[in-house]
Amino acid sequence: MAIEISQAQIPSLIFLSVLLAGTAIAIYLSLKSGDKYSVEDSEREAISFAGVIHEAQGPITTFLIVAFIVIIIWAVVYLMLYL
């Protein structure tokens, strides 16, 4: 039984494929982000405020770098299309 795909469905299928691939990449990057910076590193460099709040400064993760790049590219494309 063959599955027929009409011309009208192709853009939706491409969008779905890009969305699924992007979600898979985002999940992979978010899971791998903590490999370079361990819990011990964050506890060693943490600053405590009244023993209630702990603030640690560490390197920016690959997930955030990719997310920022995607957001910037989307914003530029959006502005070019609608301004």
Protein backbone atom coordinates (compact mmCIF):
# COMPACT_ATOMS: atom_id res chain seq x y z
CA MET A 1 0.00 0.00 0.00
CA ALA A 2 1.68 3.16 -1.21
CA ILE A 3 1.39 6.45 0.60
CA GLU A 4 0.59 9.36 -1.67
CA ILE A 5 1.90 12.82 -0.82
CA SER A 6 0.37 15.78 -2.59
CA GLN A 7 2.23 18.97 -3.51
CA ALA A 8 0.31 20.86 -0.83
CA GLN A 9 1.66 18.58 1.93
CA ILE A 10 5.36 18.96 1.08
CA PRO A 11 5.93 22.31 2.92
CA SER A 12 4.22 20.90 6.01
CA LEU A 13 6.34 17.76 5.91
CA ILE A 14 9.54 19.81 5.51
CA PHE A 15 8.52 22.01 8.44
CA LEU A 16 7.75 18.95 10.56
CA SER A 17 11.08 17.34 9.66
CA VAL A 18 13.03 20.51 10.55
CA LEU A 19 11.10 20.85 13.80
CA LEU A 20 11.77 17.23 14.80
CA ALA A 21 15.46 17.47 13.88
CA GLY A 22 15.78 20.75 15.81
CA THR A 23 14.12 19.25 18.86
CA ALA A 24 16.40 16.20 18.74
CA ILE A 25 19.49 18.42 18.45
CA ALA A 26 18.30 20.65 21.31
CA ILE A 27 17.70 17.65 23.57
CA TYR A 28 21.12 16.20 22.73
CA LEU A 29 22.90 19.51 23.40
CA SER A 30 21.03 20.09 26.65
CA LEU A 31 21.97 16.62 27.89
CA LYS A 32 25.63 17.09 26.94
CA SER A 33 25.92 20.63 28.33
CA GLY A 34 26.91 19.57 31.84
CA ASP A 35 29.82 17.36 30.78
CA LYS A 36 32.46 20.10 30.83
CA TYR A 37 31.44 21.74 34.12
CA SER A 38 30.90 19.38 37.02
CA VAL A 39 28.86 19.86 40.19
CA GLU A 40 32.10 20.00 42.18
CA ASP A 41 33.34 22.89 40.02
CA SER A 42 30.14 24.85 40.57
CA GLU A 43 30.17 24.22 44.33
CA ARG A 44 33.83 25.26 44.57
CA GLU A 45 33.20 28.55 42.74
CA ALA A 46 29.81 29.29 44.34
CA ILE A 47 29.20 32.39 46.39
CA SER A 48 26.79 32.01 49.29
CA PHE A 49 24.45 34.79 50.39
CA ALA A 50 23.28 34.29 53.99
CA GLY A 51 23.44 30.54 53.49
CA VAL A 52 20.20 30.66 51.49
CA ILE A 53 21.16 31.55 47.92
CA HIS A 54 24.16 30.12 46.08
CA GLU A 55 25.41 31.77 42.94
CA ALA A 56 27.96 30.11 40.69
CA GLN A 57 29.50 31.45 37.53
CA GLY A 58 30.58 28.98 34.93
CA PRO A 59 31.16 28.75 31.22
CA ILE A 60 28.29 29.24 28.82
CA THR A 61 27.00 25.91 27.56
CA THR A 62 26.92 24.75 23.95
CA PHE A 63 23.13 24.53 24.17
CA LEU A 64 22.87 28.23 25.05
CA ILE A 65 25.32 29.26 22.35
CA VAL A 66 23.30 27.38 19.71
CA ALA A 67 20.02 28.73 21.10
CA PHE A 68 21.30 32.32 20.98
CA ILE A 69 22.55 31.87 17.41
CA VAL A 70 19.20 30.42 16.29
CA ILE A 71 17.28 33.27 17.95
CA ILE A 72 19.53 35.91 16.37
CA ILE A 73 19.24 34.34 12.91
CA TRP A 74 15.46 34.08 13.29
CA ALA A 75 15.23 37.75 14.37
CA VAL A 76 17.34 38.94 11.42
CA VAL A 77 15.32 36.89 8.91
CA TYR A 78 12.06 38.09 10.46
CA LEU A 79 13.14 41.73 10.27
CA MET A 80 14.28 41.34 6.67
CA LEU A 81 10.97 39.78 5.65
CA TYR A 82 8.58 42.09 7.48
CA LEU A 83 10.29 45.49 7.55
